[in-house]
Amino acid sequence: MVNEHFVPVHDDPEVPAGYSKLLKRILHFDDVFHRIEDAMPAFETRLKVAERTGHPDAALARNLMTKSHRLLALCRATPGAHFVPYALAAIDYLVTEIDSTPDFSKPGGLNDDAHVLESVLAHFDLKKKM
């Protein structure tokens, strides 16, 4: 049963503003967006080094980075969409230094990242939206 009088807690004027602000940040994945956006420049630096040194996965890395930027923009535009947590996790997995530094240490290191990102895009039929 749907309650037509339901007011989301983060919009309820009786809820303390601090709580409301924190809840809204959680519901809109603000901390995750910021973590990813902070990690992207370091990934792009590693990508540029890979391109300069002729790393065999440089083209794949560039492709994944391009898709990640587009997917992140889509997530930003639709933060409440059902695919957002999965998409953000896939992007985070790609750009997080803990995983991406070893990815560039050997050929094929980005294959798992490509699989994760492509799986999310395919499962949620997101390719046509980007």
N, C-alpha and C. Protein backbone atom coordinates (compact mmCIF):
# COMPACT_ATOMS: atom_id res chain seq x y z
N MET A 1 0.83 -1.17 0.00
CA MET A 1 0.00 0.00 0.00
C MET A 1 0.89 1.25 0.00
N VAL A 2 0.56 2.20 -0.84
CA VAL A 2 1.31 3.43 -0.94
C VAL A 2 0.64 4.49 -0.10
N ASN A 3 1.41 5.17 0.72
CA ASN A 3 0.88 6.25 1.54
C ASN A 3 1.10 7.56 0.80
N GLU A 4 0.02 8.16 0.32
CA GLU A 4 0.16 9.38 -0.46
C GLU A 4 0.60 10.58 0.39
N HIS A 5 0.58 10.44 1.69
CA HIS A 5 1.00 11.52 2.58
C HIS A 5 2.43 11.35 3.05
N PHE A 6 3.10 10.32 2.57
CA PHE A 6 4.48 10.06 2.99
C PHE A 6 5.40 11.19 2.54
N VAL A 7 6.19 11.68 3.47
CA VAL A 7 7.21 12.69 3.18
C VAL A 7 8.56 12.04 3.45
N PRO A 8 9.44 11.98 2.45
CA PRO A 8 10.75 11.39 2.72
C PRO A 8 11.41 12.08 3.92
N VAL A 9 12.06 11.29 4.76
CA VAL A 9 12.63 11.82 6.00
C VAL A 9 13.58 12.98 5.73
N HIS A 10 14.37 12.90 4.64
CA HIS A 10 15.32 13.98 4.39
C HIS A 10 14.63 15.27 3.96
N ASP A 11 13.32 15.23 3.66
CA ASP A 11 12.56 16.43 3.31
C ASP A 11 11.59 16.86 4.41
N ASP A 12 11.55 16.14 5.50
CA ASP A 12 10.61 16.41 6.58
C ASP A 12 11.10 17.61 7.41
N PRO A 13 10.31 18.68 7.51
CA PRO A 13 10.75 19.86 8.25
C PRO A 13 10.91 19.61 9.76
N GLU A 14 10.33 18.54 10.28
CA GLU A 14 10.45 18.24 11.71
C GLU A 14 11.73 17.48 12.05
N VAL A 15 12.43 17.00 11.06
CA VAL A 15 13.68 16.27 11.27
C VAL A 15 14.81 17.29 11.40
N PRO A 16 15.70 17.13 12.38
CA PRO A 16 16.80 18.07 12.53
C PRO A 16 17.61 18.22 11.24
N ALA A 17 18.00 19.44 10.94
CA ALA A 17 18.68 19.73 9.68
C ALA A 17 19.96 18.91 9.49
N GLY A 18 20.74 18.73 10.56
CA GLY A 18 21.98 17.97 10.46
C GLY A 18 21.73 16.53 10.04
N TYR A 19 20.73 15.92 10.65
CA TYR A 19 20.37 14.54 10.31
C TYR A 19 19.87 14.48 8.87
N SER A 20 19.03 15.43 8.51
CA SER A 20 18.48 15.47 7.18
C SER A 20 19.59 15.58 6.13
N LYS A 21 20.57 16.42 6.41
CA LYS A 21 21.69 16.61 5.47
C LYS A 21 22.51 15.32 5.33
N LEU A 22 22.79 14.66 6.44
CA LEU A 22 23.54 13.40 6.39
C LEU A 22 22.77 12.32 5.64
N LEU A 23 21.48 12.23 5.89
CA LEU A 23 20.67 11.23 5.21
C LEU A 23 20.64 11.49 3.70
N LYS A 24 20.50 12.72 3.33
CA LYS A 24 20.48 13.06 1.91
C LYS A 24 21.82 12.69 1.26
N ARG A 25 22.94 12.95 1.96
CA ARG A 25 24.26 12.57 1.43
C ARG A 25 24.35 11.07 1.21
N ILE A 26 23.81 10.30 2.14
CA ILE A 26 23.85 8.84 2.02
C ILE A 26 22.96 8.40 0.85
N LEU A 27 21.74 8.93 0.79
CA LEU A 27 20.81 8.52 -0.25
C LEU A 27 21.29 8.90 -1.65
N HIS A 28 22.10 9.93 -1.73
CA HIS A 28 22.61 10.38 -3.03
C HIS A 28 24.07 10.00 -3.26
N PHE A 29 24.62 9.16 -2.38
CA PHE A 29 25.98 8.61 -2.55
C PHE A 29 27.05 9.69 -2.65
N ASP A 30 26.85 10.82 -1.98
CA ASP A 30 27.81 11.93 -2.09
C ASP A 30 29.24 11.52 -1.74
N ASP A 31 29.41 10.77 -0.66
CA ASP A 31 30.76 10.38 -0.26
C ASP A 31 31.42 9.48 -1.30
N VAL A 32 30.64 8.61 -1.90
CA VAL A 32 31.18 7.72 -2.93
C VAL A 32 31.57 8.51 -4.17
N PHE A 33 30.70 9.43 -4.59
CA PHE A 33 31.03 10.28 -5.74
C PHE A 33 32.35 11.02 -5.49
N HIS A 34 32.48 11.60 -4.31
CA HIS A 34 33.71 12.35 -4.00
C HIS A 34 34.94 11.46 -3.98
N ARG A 35 34.82 10.26 -3.41
CA ARG A 35 35.96 9.34 -3.37
C ARG A 35 36.40 8.97 -4.78
N ILE A 36 35.44 8.68 -5.63
CA ILE A 36 35.75 8.33 -7.02
C ILE A 36 36.37 9.51 -7.75
N GLU A 37 35.76 10.67 -7.62
CA GLU A 37 36.27 11.86 -8.30
C GLU A 37 37.68 12.22 -7.81
N ASP A 38 37.96 11.96 -6.55
CA ASP A 38 39.31 12.20 -6.02
C ASP A 38 40.32 11.19 -6.55
N ALA A 39 39.87 9.96 -6.84
CA ALA A 39 40.77 8.90 -7.30
C ALA A 39 41.03 8.96 -8.81
N MET A 40 40.14 9.56 -9.56
CA MET A 40 40.27 9.56 -11.02
C MET A 40 41.55 10.21 -11.53
N PRO A 41 41.98 11.35 -10.99
CA PRO A 41 43.21 11.95 -11.52
C PRO A 41 44.44 11.03 -11.37
N ALA A 42 44.54 10.31 -10.28
CA ALA A 42 45.68 9.40 -10.10
C ALA A 42 45.61 8.26 -11.12
N PHE A 43 44.40 7.75 -11.38
CA PHE A 43 44.25 6.72 -12.40
C PHE A 43 44.65 7.27 -13.76
N GLU A 44 44.20 8.48 -14.06
CA GLU A 44 44.52 9.10 -15.35
C GLU A 44 46.03 9.33 -15.49
N THR A 45 46.70 9.64 -14.39
CA THR A 45 48.16 9.78 -14.43
C THR A 45 48.81 8.44 -14.76
N ARG A 46 48.36 7.37 -14.11
CA ARG A 46 48.90 6.03 -14.42
C ARG A 46 48.58 5.65 -15.86
N LEU A 47 47.42 6.05 -16.35
CA LEU A 47 47.05 5.79 -17.74
C LEU A 47 47.99 6.51 -18.70
N LYS A 48 48.28 7.77 -18.42
CA LYS A 48 49.19 8.53 -19.29
C LYS A 48 50.59 7.91 -19.33
N VAL A 49 51.05 7.45 -18.19
CA VAL A 49 52.35 6.76 -18.14
C VAL A 49 52.28 5.48 -18.99
N ALA A 50 51.18 4.76 -18.86
CA ALA A 50 51.01 3.52 -19.64
C ALA A 50 51.01 3.82 -21.14
N GLU A 51 50.35 4.90 -21.54
CA GLU A 51 50.32 5.28 -22.96
C GLU A 51 51.71 5.69 -23.44
N ARG A 52 52.40 6.45 -22.61
CA ARG A 52 53.75 6.92 -22.97
C ARG A 52 54.75 5.78 -23.09
N THR A 53 54.61 4.77 -22.26
CA THR A 53 55.56 3.66 -22.24
C THR A 53 55.14 2.49 -23.13
N GLY A 54 53.99 2.63 -23.79
CA GLY A 54 53.54 1.57 -24.69
C GLY A 54 52.99 0.34 -23.99
N HIS A 55 52.43 0.53 -22.82
CA HIS A 55 51.83 -0.60 -22.10
C HIS A 55 50.77 -1.26 -22.99
N PRO A 56 50.75 -2.59 -23.05
CA PRO A 56 49.80 -3.27 -23.95
C PRO A 56 48.32 -3.03 -23.61
N ASP A 57 48.01 -2.61 -22.40
CA ASP A 57 46.61 -2.38 -22.01
C ASP A 57 46.23 -0.91 -22.00
N ALA A 58 47.08 -0.05 -22.57
CA ALA A 58 46.81 1.39 -22.52
C ALA A 58 45.49 1.74 -23.22
N ALA A 59 45.24 1.14 -24.38
CA ALA A 59 44.00 1.44 -25.11
C ALA A 59 42.78 0.97 -24.31
N LEU A 60 42.88 -0.20 -23.70
CA LEU A 60 41.79 -0.69 -22.86
C LEU A 60 41.56 0.25 -21.68
N ALA A 61 42.63 0.68 -21.06
CA ALA A 61 42.52 1.60 -19.92
C ALA A 61 41.86 2.91 -20.34
N ARG A 62 42.23 3.44 -21.50
CA ARG A 62 41.63 4.68 -22.00
C ARG A 62 40.13 4.46 -22.24
N ASN A 63 39.77 3.34 -22.84
CA ASN A 63 38.38 3.02 -23.10
C ASN A 63 37.59 2.92 -21.79
N LEU A 64 38.15 2.24 -20.80
CA LEU A 64 37.47 2.10 -19.50
C LEU A 64 37.32 3.45 -18.81
N MET A 65 38.34 4.29 -18.94
CA MET A 65 38.27 5.61 -18.31
C MET A 65 37.18 6.46 -18.96
N THR A 66 37.10 6.41 -20.28
CA THR A 66 36.07 7.16 -21.01
C THR A 66 34.67 6.69 -20.58
N LYS A 67 34.48 5.37 -20.55
CA LYS A 67 33.19 4.83 -20.13
C LYS A 67 32.88 5.20 -18.68
N SER A 68 33.91 5.20 -17.84
CA SER A 68 33.71 5.54 -16.44
C SER A 68 33.27 6.98 -16.26
N HIS A 69 33.87 7.89 -17.02
CA HIS A 69 33.46 9.30 -16.95
C HIS A 69 32.01 9.46 -17.38
N ARG A 70 31.63 8.78 -18.46
CA ARG A 70 30.24 8.87 -18.95
C ARG A 70 29.27 8.25 -17.95
N LEU A 71 29.65 7.12 -17.40
CA LEU A 71 28.79 6.44 -16.43
C LEU A 71 28.66 7.26 -15.16
N LEU A 72 29.75 7.87 -14.72
CA LEU A 72 29.70 8.71 -13.53
C LEU A 72 28.77 9.91 -13.76
N ALA A 73 28.84 10.50 -14.94
CA ALA A 73 27.94 11.62 -15.26
C ALA A 73 26.48 11.16 -15.25
N LEU A 74 26.22 9.98 -15.77
CA LEU A 74 24.86 9.43 -15.75
C LEU A 74 24.40 9.21 -14.32
N CYS A 75 25.27 8.69 -13.48
CA CYS A 75 24.93 8.47 -12.06
C CYS A 75 24.67 9.80 -11.36
N ARG A 76 25.48 10.80 -11.66
CA ARG A 76 25.28 12.13 -11.06
C ARG A 76 23.93 12.71 -11.45
N ALA A 77 23.55 12.47 -12.71
CA ALA A 77 22.29 13.02 -13.21
C ALA A 77 21.07 12.28 -12.66
N THR A 78 21.27 11.01 -12.26
CA THR A 78 20.14 10.20 -11.78
C THR A 78 20.55 9.45 -10.50
N PRO A 79 20.89 10.17 -9.42
CA PRO A 79 21.44 9.51 -8.23
C PRO A 79 20.50 8.52 -7.55
N GLY A 80 19.21 8.60 -7.82
CA GLY A 80 18.27 7.68 -7.20
C GLY A 80 17.96 6.45 -8.05
N ALA A 81 18.57 6.35 -9.22
CA ALA A 81 18.30 5.22 -10.11
C ALA A 81 18.80 3.92 -9.50
N HIS A 82 18.14 2.83 -9.80
CA HIS A 82 18.46 1.53 -9.19
C HIS A 82 19.85 1.02 -9.55
N PHE A 83 20.42 1.46 -10.66
CA PHE A 83 21.73 0.97 -11.09
C PHE A 83 22.89 1.71 -10.44
N VAL A 84 22.64 2.85 -9.84
CA VAL A 84 23.71 3.72 -9.35
C VAL A 84 24.69 3.02 -8.39
N PRO A 85 24.25 2.31 -7.36
CA PRO A 85 25.23 1.70 -6.47
C PRO A 85 26.15 0.71 -7.19
N TYR A 86 25.61 -0.02 -8.14
CA TYR A 86 26.40 -1.00 -8.88
C TYR A 86 27.39 -0.30 -9.82
N ALA A 87 26.92 0.74 -10.47
CA ALA A 87 27.79 1.50 -11.37
C ALA A 87 28.92 2.17 -10.60
N LEU A 88 28.59 2.78 -9.46
CA LEU A 88 29.63 3.43 -8.66
C LEU A 88 30.65 2.43 -8.14
N ALA A 89 30.18 1.25 -7.75
CA ALA A 89 31.11 0.22 -7.28
C ALA A 89 32.05 -0.21 -8.40
N ALA A 90 31.53 -0.34 -9.61
CA ALA A 90 32.38 -0.73 -10.75
C ALA A 90 33.42 0.34 -11.06
N ILE A 91 33.01 1.60 -11.04
CA ILE A 91 33.95 2.69 -11.30
C ILE A 91 34.98 2.77 -10.18
N ASP A 92 34.51 2.65 -8.95
CA ASP A 92 35.40 2.69 -7.80
C ASP A 92 36.44 1.58 -7.89
N TYR A 93 36.01 0.40 -8.30
CA TYR A 93 36.92 -0.74 -8.44
C TYR A 93 37.99 -0.45 -9.49
N LEU A 94 37.61 0.23 -10.55
CA LEU A 94 38.57 0.57 -11.60
C LEU A 94 39.60 1.59 -11.13
N VAL A 95 39.15 2.66 -10.51
CA VAL A 95 40.05 3.78 -10.24
C VAL A 95 40.74 3.74 -8.88
N THR A 96 40.26 2.89 -7.98
CA THR A 96 40.88 2.82 -6.65
C THR A 96 42.33 2.37 -6.78
N GLU A 97 43.22 3.09 -6.14
CA GLU A 97 44.65 2.83 -6.28
C GLU A 97 45.05 1.44 -5.83
N ILE A 98 44.37 0.91 -4.83
CA ILE A 98 44.71 -0.43 -4.33
C ILE A 98 44.62 -1.45 -5.46
N ASP A 99 43.62 -1.28 -6.33
CA ASP A 99 43.50 -2.22 -7.44
C ASP A 99 44.19 -1.71 -8.70
N SER A 100 44.12 -0.41 -8.98
CA SER A 100 44.61 0.06 -10.27
C SER A 100 46.13 0.10 -10.38
N THR A 101 46.84 0.25 -9.30
CA THR A 101 48.31 0.23 -9.39
C THR A 101 48.79 -1.13 -9.88
N PRO A 102 48.34 -2.26 -9.29
CA PRO A 102 48.75 -3.56 -9.84
C PRO A 102 48.21 -3.81 -11.26
N ASP A 103 47.08 -3.19 -11.60
CA ASP A 103 46.51 -3.38 -12.93
C ASP A 103 47.49 -2.99 -14.03
N PHE A 104 48.28 -1.97 -13.78
CA PHE A 104 49.23 -1.49 -14.78
C PHE A 104 50.59 -2.18 -14.68
N SER A 105 50.73 -3.10 -13.75
CA SER A 105 52.04 -3.74 -13.57
C SER A 105 52.26 -4.93 -14.50
N LYS A 106 51.19 -5.38 -15.16
CA LYS A 106 51.34 -6.54 -16.05
C LYS A 106 50.27 -6.49 -17.14
N PRO A 107 50.55 -7.08 -18.29
CA PRO A 107 49.52 -7.17 -19.33
C PRO A 107 48.34 -7.98 -18.82
N GLY A 108 47.15 -7.54 -19.17
CA GLY A 108 45.94 -8.24 -18.75
C GLY A 108 45.46 -7.85 -17.37
N GLY A 109 46.16 -6.93 -16.72
CA GLY A 109 45.79 -6.54 -15.37
C GLY A 109 44.46 -5.82 -15.26
N LEU A 110 44.01 -5.27 -16.37
CA LEU A 110 42.73 -4.55 -16.37
C LEU A 110 41.56 -5.42 -16.82
N ASN A 111 41.82 -6.67 -17.12
CA ASN A 111 40.75 -7.53 -17.62
C ASN A 111 39.61 -7.69 -16.62
N ASP A 112 39.95 -7.81 -15.33
CA ASP A 112 38.89 -7.94 -14.32
C ASP A 112 38.07 -6.67 -14.22
N ASP A 113 38.73 -5.53 -14.32
CA ASP A 113 38.03 -4.24 -14.27
C ASP A 113 37.09 -4.10 -15.47
N ALA A 114 37.59 -4.49 -16.65
CA ALA A 114 36.77 -4.43 -17.85
C ALA A 114 35.55 -5.34 -17.71
N HIS A 115 35.76 -6.52 -17.17
CA HIS A 115 34.65 -7.47 -16.99
C HIS A 115 33.59 -6.89 -16.04
N VAL A 116 34.03 -6.31 -14.95
CA VAL A 116 33.08 -5.75 -13.97
C VAL A 116 32.30 -4.60 -14.60
N LEU A 117 33.01 -3.66 -15.23
CA LEU A 117 32.34 -2.49 -15.80
C LEU A 117 31.39 -2.91 -16.93
N GLU A 118 31.86 -3.76 -17.82
CA GLU A 118 31.01 -4.19 -18.94
C GLU A 118 29.80 -4.99 -18.45
N SER A 119 29.98 -5.76 -17.39
CA SER A 119 28.85 -6.52 -16.83
C SER A 119 27.77 -5.60 -16.29
N VAL A 120 28.17 -4.55 -15.61
CA VAL A 120 27.20 -3.58 -15.08
C VAL A 120 26.49 -2.88 -16.23
N LEU A 121 27.26 -2.44 -17.22
CA LEU A 121 26.66 -1.76 -18.37
C LEU A 121 25.64 -2.66 -19.08
N ALA A 122 26.00 -3.92 -19.26
CA ALA A 122 25.11 -4.86 -19.95
C ALA A 122 23.89 -5.22 -19.10
N HIS A 123 24.12 -5.52 -17.83
CA HIS A 123 23.02 -5.95 -16.96
C HIS A 123 21.92 -4.90 -16.86
N PHE A 124 22.33 -3.63 -16.75
CA PHE A 124 21.36 -2.55 -16.60
C PHE A 124 21.04 -1.85 -17.92
N ASP A 125 21.56 -2.40 -19.03
CA ASP A 125 21.31 -1.86 -20.37
C ASP A 125 21.66 -0.36 -20.43
N LEU A 126 22.85 -0.03 -19.96
CA LEU A 126 23.25 1.37 -19.83
C LEU A 126 24.01 1.92 -21.03
N LYS A 127 24.50 1.07 -21.90
CA LYS A 127 25.33 1.54 -23.02
C LYS A 127 24.59 2.57 -23.87
N LYS A 128 23.31 2.37 -24.08
CA LYS A 128 22.55 3.30 -24.93
C LYS A 128 22.24 4.62 -24.21
N LYS A 129 22.41 4.66 -22.90
CA LYS A 129 22.13 5.86 -22.13
C LYS A 129 23.36 6.76 -21.98
N MET A 130 24.51 6.24 -22.40
CA MET A 130 25.75 7.01 -22.21
C MET A 130 26.19 7.67 -23.50
